[in-house]
């Protein structure tokens, strides 16, 4: 669920920044009155697609890191549960030994 949310948020942020970049590019072209040059638009589109690819790669890296942290958290939680179970077993055994000692002393 976290991964999907992170991916959607990243795409939303990138989409708004790309649309803002495209609007500023159009405004710059309108100011220059340079409509004959399509190389600027093509270069801008390639820059946007390259930036988008880089950002998607970073999102994938972040997802992998989140997954690794989630896995580590699960392992740590299992270890803590195991330690707690061992402590509970030790306490129960001590209580049984204590009960056995008392029964041996006082009879029962």
N, C-alpha and C. Protein backbone atom coordinates (compact mmCIF):
# COMPACT_ATOMS: atom_id res chain seq x y z
N UNK A 1 0.83 -1.18 0.00
CA UNK A 1 0.00 0.00 0.00
C UNK A 1 0.88 1.25 0.00
N UNK A 2 1.94 1.21 0.82
CA UNK A 2 2.84 2.36 0.87
C UNK A 2 3.52 2.58 -0.48
N UNK A 3 3.92 1.48 -1.12
CA UNK A 3 4.62 1.59 -2.39
C UNK A 3 3.72 2.23 -3.44
N UNK A 4 2.48 1.82 -3.50
CA UNK A 4 1.55 2.38 -4.48
C UNK A 4 1.32 3.86 -4.20
N UNK A 5 1.18 4.21 -2.92
CA UNK A 5 0.95 5.61 -2.56
C UNK A 5 2.16 6.46 -2.93
N UNK A 6 3.35 5.97 -2.64
CA UNK A 6 4.57 6.72 -2.97
C UNK A 6 4.68 6.91 -4.47
N UNK A 7 4.41 5.85 -5.22
CA UNK A 7 4.51 5.93 -6.68
C UNK A 7 3.49 6.94 -7.23
N UNK A 8 2.26 6.89 -6.73
CA UNK A 8 1.23 7.83 -7.22
C UNK A 8 1.60 9.27 -6.89
N UNK A 9 2.11 9.50 -5.68
CA UNK A 9 2.49 10.85 -5.29
C UNK A 9 3.65 11.34 -6.15
N UNK A 10 4.61 10.47 -6.40
CA UNK A 10 5.76 10.87 -7.22
C UNK A 10 5.32 11.21 -8.64
N UNK A 11 4.47 10.40 -9.20
CA UNK A 11 3.99 10.66 -10.57
C UNK A 11 3.19 11.95 -10.60
N UNK A 12 2.37 12.20 -9.58
CA UNK A 12 1.58 13.44 -9.54
C UNK A 12 2.50 14.66 -9.46
N UNK A 13 3.52 14.59 -8.61
CA UNK A 13 4.45 15.72 -8.48
C UNK A 13 5.20 15.94 -9.78
N UNK A 14 5.66 14.86 -10.38
CA UNK A 14 6.41 14.99 -11.62
C UNK A 14 5.54 15.49 -12.75
N UNK A 15 4.30 15.04 -12.80
CA UNK A 15 3.39 15.48 -13.85
C UNK A 15 3.11 16.97 -13.74
N UNK A 16 2.91 17.46 -12.52
CA UNK A 16 2.66 18.90 -12.37
C UNK A 16 3.90 19.70 -12.70
N UNK A 17 5.08 19.20 -12.32
CA UNK A 17 6.29 19.95 -12.64
C UNK A 17 6.56 19.93 -14.14
N UNK A 18 6.25 18.82 -14.80
CA UNK A 18 6.45 18.75 -16.25
C UNK A 18 5.47 19.66 -16.97
N UNK A 19 4.22 19.69 -16.51
CA UNK A 19 3.24 20.57 -17.16
C UNK A 19 3.62 22.03 -16.94
N UNK A 20 4.13 22.35 -15.75
CA UNK A 20 4.57 23.73 -15.49
C UNK A 20 5.76 24.07 -16.37
N UNK A 21 6.66 23.12 -16.54
CA UNK A 21 7.81 23.34 -17.40
C UNK A 21 7.37 23.54 -18.85
N UNK A 22 6.40 22.75 -19.29
CA UNK A 22 5.90 22.89 -20.66
C UNK A 22 5.22 24.24 -20.85
N UNK A 23 4.48 24.69 -19.84
CA UNK A 23 3.83 26.00 -19.94
C UNK A 23 4.87 27.11 -20.01
N UNK A 24 5.92 27.01 -19.21
CA UNK A 24 6.95 28.04 -19.25
C UNK A 24 7.69 28.01 -20.59
N UNK A 25 7.87 26.82 -21.16
CA UNK A 25 8.52 26.69 -22.47
C UNK A 25 7.66 27.35 -23.55
N UNK A 26 6.35 27.14 -23.48
CA UNK A 26 5.45 27.77 -24.45
C UNK A 26 5.45 29.28 -24.30
N UNK A 27 5.47 29.74 -23.05
CA UNK A 27 5.50 31.18 -22.81
C UNK A 27 6.80 31.78 -23.34
N UNK A 28 7.90 31.08 -23.15
CA UNK A 28 9.18 31.56 -23.65
C UNK A 28 9.19 31.61 -25.16
N UNK A 29 8.57 30.62 -25.81
CA UNK A 29 8.51 30.60 -27.26
C UNK A 29 7.62 31.73 -27.77
N UNK A 30 6.55 32.02 -27.07
CA UNK A 30 5.65 33.09 -27.49
C UNK A 30 6.35 34.45 -27.35
N UNK A 31 7.15 34.61 -26.32
CA UNK A 31 7.85 35.87 -26.12
C UNK A 31 8.90 36.10 -27.20
N UNK A 32 9.59 35.05 -27.58
CA UNK A 32 10.65 35.17 -28.57
C UNK A 32 10.10 35.29 -29.99
N UNK A 33 8.87 34.88 -30.19
CA UNK A 33 8.24 34.86 -31.52
C UNK A 33 9.07 34.01 -32.46
N UNK A 34 9.64 32.95 -31.92
CA UNK A 34 10.49 32.08 -32.69
C UNK A 34 9.76 30.76 -32.92
N UNK A 35 8.78 30.78 -33.80
CA UNK A 35 7.96 29.59 -34.04
C UNK A 35 8.61 28.65 -35.06
N UNK A 36 9.57 29.09 -35.80
CA UNK A 36 10.19 28.27 -36.82
C UNK A 36 11.15 27.23 -36.27
N UNK A 37 11.63 27.42 -35.07
CA UNK A 37 12.62 26.51 -34.49
C UNK A 37 11.92 25.41 -33.71
N UNK A 38 11.93 24.21 -34.27
CA UNK A 38 11.32 23.07 -33.58
C UNK A 38 12.36 22.29 -32.79
N UNK A 39 13.62 22.61 -32.99
CA UNK A 39 14.68 21.92 -32.24
C UNK A 39 14.60 22.23 -30.75
N UNK A 40 14.16 23.43 -30.41
CA UNK A 40 14.04 23.81 -29.01
C UNK A 40 12.98 22.94 -28.34
N UNK A 41 11.85 22.75 -29.02
CA UNK A 41 10.79 21.92 -28.47
C UNK A 41 11.22 20.48 -28.34
N UNK A 42 11.93 19.98 -29.34
CA UNK A 42 12.40 18.60 -29.31
C UNK A 42 13.42 18.40 -28.20
N UNK A 43 14.31 19.37 -28.04
CA UNK A 43 15.32 19.28 -26.98
C UNK A 43 14.65 19.34 -25.61
N UNK A 44 13.65 20.22 -25.50
CA UNK A 44 12.93 20.32 -24.22
C UNK A 44 12.19 19.03 -23.92
N UNK A 45 11.57 18.44 -24.95
CA UNK A 45 10.85 17.18 -24.75
C UNK A 45 11.81 16.06 -24.35
N UNK A 46 13.00 16.02 -24.97
CA UNK A 46 13.96 14.99 -24.61
C UNK A 46 14.49 15.21 -23.20
N UNK A 47 14.67 16.48 -22.82
CA UNK A 47 15.11 16.79 -21.46
C UNK A 47 14.04 16.36 -20.45
N UNK A 48 12.78 16.62 -20.79
CA UNK A 48 11.68 16.25 -19.90
C UNK A 48 11.61 14.74 -19.77
N UNK A 49 11.72 14.03 -20.90
CA UNK A 49 11.64 12.57 -20.83
C UNK A 49 12.84 11.99 -20.10
N UNK A 50 14.03 12.60 -20.29
CA UNK A 50 15.22 12.13 -19.57
C UNK A 50 15.05 12.39 -18.08
N UNK A 51 14.54 13.57 -17.74
CA UNK A 51 14.30 13.90 -16.33
C UNK A 51 13.28 12.96 -15.73
N UNK A 52 12.22 12.69 -16.48
CA UNK A 52 11.18 11.78 -16.01
C UNK A 52 11.75 10.38 -15.80
N UNK A 53 12.58 9.93 -16.73
CA UNK A 53 13.20 8.61 -16.58
C UNK A 53 14.09 8.56 -15.35
N UNK A 54 14.86 9.62 -15.11
CA UNK A 54 15.72 9.68 -13.93
C UNK A 54 14.88 9.65 -12.65
N UNK A 55 13.80 10.42 -12.66
CA UNK A 55 12.94 10.47 -11.48
C UNK A 55 12.26 9.14 -11.23
N UNK A 56 11.83 8.48 -12.29
CA UNK A 56 11.21 7.16 -12.12
C UNK A 56 12.23 6.15 -11.60
N UNK A 57 13.48 6.27 -12.04
CA UNK A 57 14.54 5.40 -11.54
C UNK A 57 14.76 5.65 -10.04
N UNK A 58 14.73 6.93 -9.66
CA UNK A 58 14.89 7.26 -8.24
C UNK A 58 13.72 6.75 -7.42
N UNK A 59 12.52 6.84 -7.98
CA UNK A 59 11.34 6.31 -7.29
C UNK A 59 11.48 4.81 -7.09
N UNK A 60 11.96 4.12 -8.12
CA UNK A 60 12.18 2.67 -8.00
C UNK A 60 13.22 2.36 -6.92
N UNK A 61 14.29 3.16 -6.88
CA UNK A 61 15.30 2.97 -5.84
C UNK A 61 14.71 3.18 -4.46
N UNK A 62 13.89 4.22 -4.33
CA UNK A 62 13.25 4.50 -3.04
C UNK A 62 12.31 3.37 -2.66
N UNK A 63 11.61 2.82 -3.63
CA UNK A 63 10.72 1.70 -3.34
C UNK A 63 11.53 0.50 -2.85
N UNK A 64 12.66 0.24 -3.47
CA UNK A 64 13.51 -0.86 -3.04
C UNK A 64 14.00 -0.64 -1.62
N UNK A 65 14.38 0.61 -1.31
CA UNK A 65 14.84 0.92 0.04
C UNK A 65 13.72 0.74 1.05
N UNK A 66 12.51 1.17 0.69
CA UNK A 66 11.37 0.99 1.58
C UNK A 66 11.11 -0.49 1.80
N UNK A 67 11.20 -1.28 0.74
CA UNK A 67 10.99 -2.72 0.86
C UNK A 67 12.06 -3.35 1.76
N UNK A 68 13.31 -2.92 1.59
CA UNK A 68 14.39 -3.46 2.42
C UNK A 68 14.16 -3.09 3.89
N UNK A 69 13.75 -1.85 4.14
CA UNK A 69 13.49 -1.44 5.51
C UNK A 69 12.32 -2.20 6.11
N UNK A 70 11.30 -2.45 5.30
CA UNK A 70 10.16 -3.23 5.76
C UNK A 70 10.58 -4.65 6.10
N UNK A 71 11.42 -5.24 5.25
CA UNK A 71 11.91 -6.59 5.52
C UNK A 71 12.74 -6.62 6.80
N UNK A 72 13.60 -5.62 6.97
CA UNK A 72 14.42 -5.56 8.18
C UNK A 72 13.54 -5.42 9.42
N UNK A 73 12.50 -4.60 9.30
CA UNK A 73 11.59 -4.40 10.43
C UNK A 73 10.89 -5.71 10.80
N UNK A 74 10.48 -6.47 9.78
CA UNK A 74 9.83 -7.75 10.05
C UNK A 74 10.80 -8.71 10.74
N UNK A 75 12.05 -8.74 10.27
CA UNK A 75 13.05 -9.63 10.87
C UNK A 75 13.29 -9.22 12.32
N UNK A 76 13.43 -7.92 12.57
CA UNK A 76 13.65 -7.44 13.94
C UNK A 76 12.46 -7.78 14.83
N UNK A 77 11.27 -7.65 14.30
CA UNK A 77 10.07 -7.96 15.07
C UNK A 77 10.04 -9.45 15.41
N UNK A 78 10.39 -10.30 14.45
CA UNK A 78 10.44 -11.74 14.71
C UNK A 78 11.48 -12.06 15.79
N UNK A 79 12.64 -11.42 15.70
CA UNK A 79 13.69 -11.65 16.70
C UNK A 79 13.22 -11.23 18.08
N UNK A 80 12.54 -10.09 18.16
CA UNK A 80 12.04 -9.63 19.45
C UNK A 80 10.99 -10.59 19.99
N UNK A 81 10.11 -11.09 19.12
CA UNK A 81 9.10 -12.05 19.56
C UNK A 81 9.76 -13.33 20.05
N UNK A 82 10.80 -13.78 19.35
CA UNK A 82 11.52 -14.99 19.76
C UNK A 82 12.18 -14.79 21.12
N UNK A 83 12.82 -13.63 21.32
CA UNK A 83 13.45 -13.35 22.60
C UNK A 83 12.41 -13.30 23.72
N UNK A 84 11.27 -12.69 23.42
CA UNK A 84 10.21 -12.59 24.42
C UNK A 84 9.67 -13.98 24.76
N UNK A 85 9.50 -14.82 23.74
CA UNK A 85 9.04 -16.19 23.98
C UNK A 85 10.04 -16.97 24.84
N UNK A 86 11.34 -16.80 24.56
CA UNK A 86 12.36 -17.47 25.34
C UNK A 86 12.34 -17.00 26.79
N UNK A 87 12.16 -15.71 26.99
CA UNK A 87 12.09 -15.17 28.36
C UNK A 87 10.86 -15.73 29.08
N UNK A 88 9.73 -15.81 28.39
CA UNK A 88 8.51 -16.35 28.99
C UNK A 88 8.70 -17.82 29.36
N UNK A 89 9.35 -18.58 28.49
CA UNK A 89 9.62 -20.00 28.78
C UNK A 89 10.53 -20.13 30.00
N UNK A 90 11.55 -19.26 30.07
CA UNK A 90 12.47 -19.29 31.20
C UNK A 90 11.73 -19.00 32.51
N UNK A 91 10.88 -17.99 32.46
CA UNK A 91 10.11 -17.61 33.66
C UNK A 91 9.18 -18.75 34.07
N UNK A 92 8.50 -19.36 33.10
CA UNK A 92 7.61 -20.48 33.42
C UNK A 92 8.39 -21.65 34.02
N UNK A 93 9.56 -21.93 33.47
CA UNK A 93 10.40 -23.02 34.00
C UNK A 93 10.85 -22.71 35.41
N UNK A 94 11.23 -21.45 35.67
CA UNK A 94 11.64 -21.07 37.02
C UNK A 94 10.47 -21.22 38.00
N UNK A 95 9.27 -20.83 37.54
CA UNK A 95 8.08 -20.97 38.40
C UNK A 95 7.80 -22.44 38.68
N UNK A 96 7.94 -23.29 37.66
CA UNK A 96 7.74 -24.73 37.86
C UNK A 96 8.76 -25.29 38.83
N UNK A 97 10.03 -24.89 38.67
CA UNK A 97 11.08 -25.34 39.59
C UNK A 97 10.79 -24.89 41.01
N UNK A 98 10.33 -23.66 41.15
CA UNK A 98 10.01 -23.11 42.47
C UNK A 98 8.86 -23.90 43.10
N UNK A 99 7.81 -24.14 42.29
CA UNK A 99 6.68 -24.93 42.78
C UNK A 99 7.14 -26.33 43.19
N UNK A 100 7.98 -26.94 42.39
CA UNK A 100 8.49 -28.28 42.67
C UNK A 100 9.29 -28.29 43.97
N UNK A 101 10.12 -27.25 44.16
CA UNK A 101 10.91 -27.15 45.39
C UNK A 101 10.01 -27.00 46.60
N UNK A 102 9.00 -26.14 46.47
CA UNK A 102 8.08 -25.94 47.59
C UNK A 102 7.32 -27.21 47.93
N UNK A 103 6.89 -27.95 46.90
CA UNK A 103 6.18 -29.20 47.13
C UNK A 103 7.10 -30.23 47.77
N UNK A 104 8.37 -30.20 47.42
CA UNK A 104 9.33 -31.12 48.02
C UNK A 104 9.58 -30.81 49.48
N UNK A 105 9.60 -29.50 49.80
CA UNK A 105 9.87 -29.09 51.17
C UNK A 105 8.63 -29.31 52.04
N UNK A 106 7.49 -28.81 51.61
CA UNK A 106 6.29 -28.82 52.42
C UNK A 106 5.39 -30.02 52.13
N UNK A 107 5.65 -30.72 51.07
CA UNK A 107 4.83 -31.89 50.72
C UNK A 107 3.54 -31.47 50.04
N UNK A 108 2.96 -32.34 49.37
CA UNK A 108 1.75 -31.87 48.73
C UNK A 108 0.99 -32.86 48.05
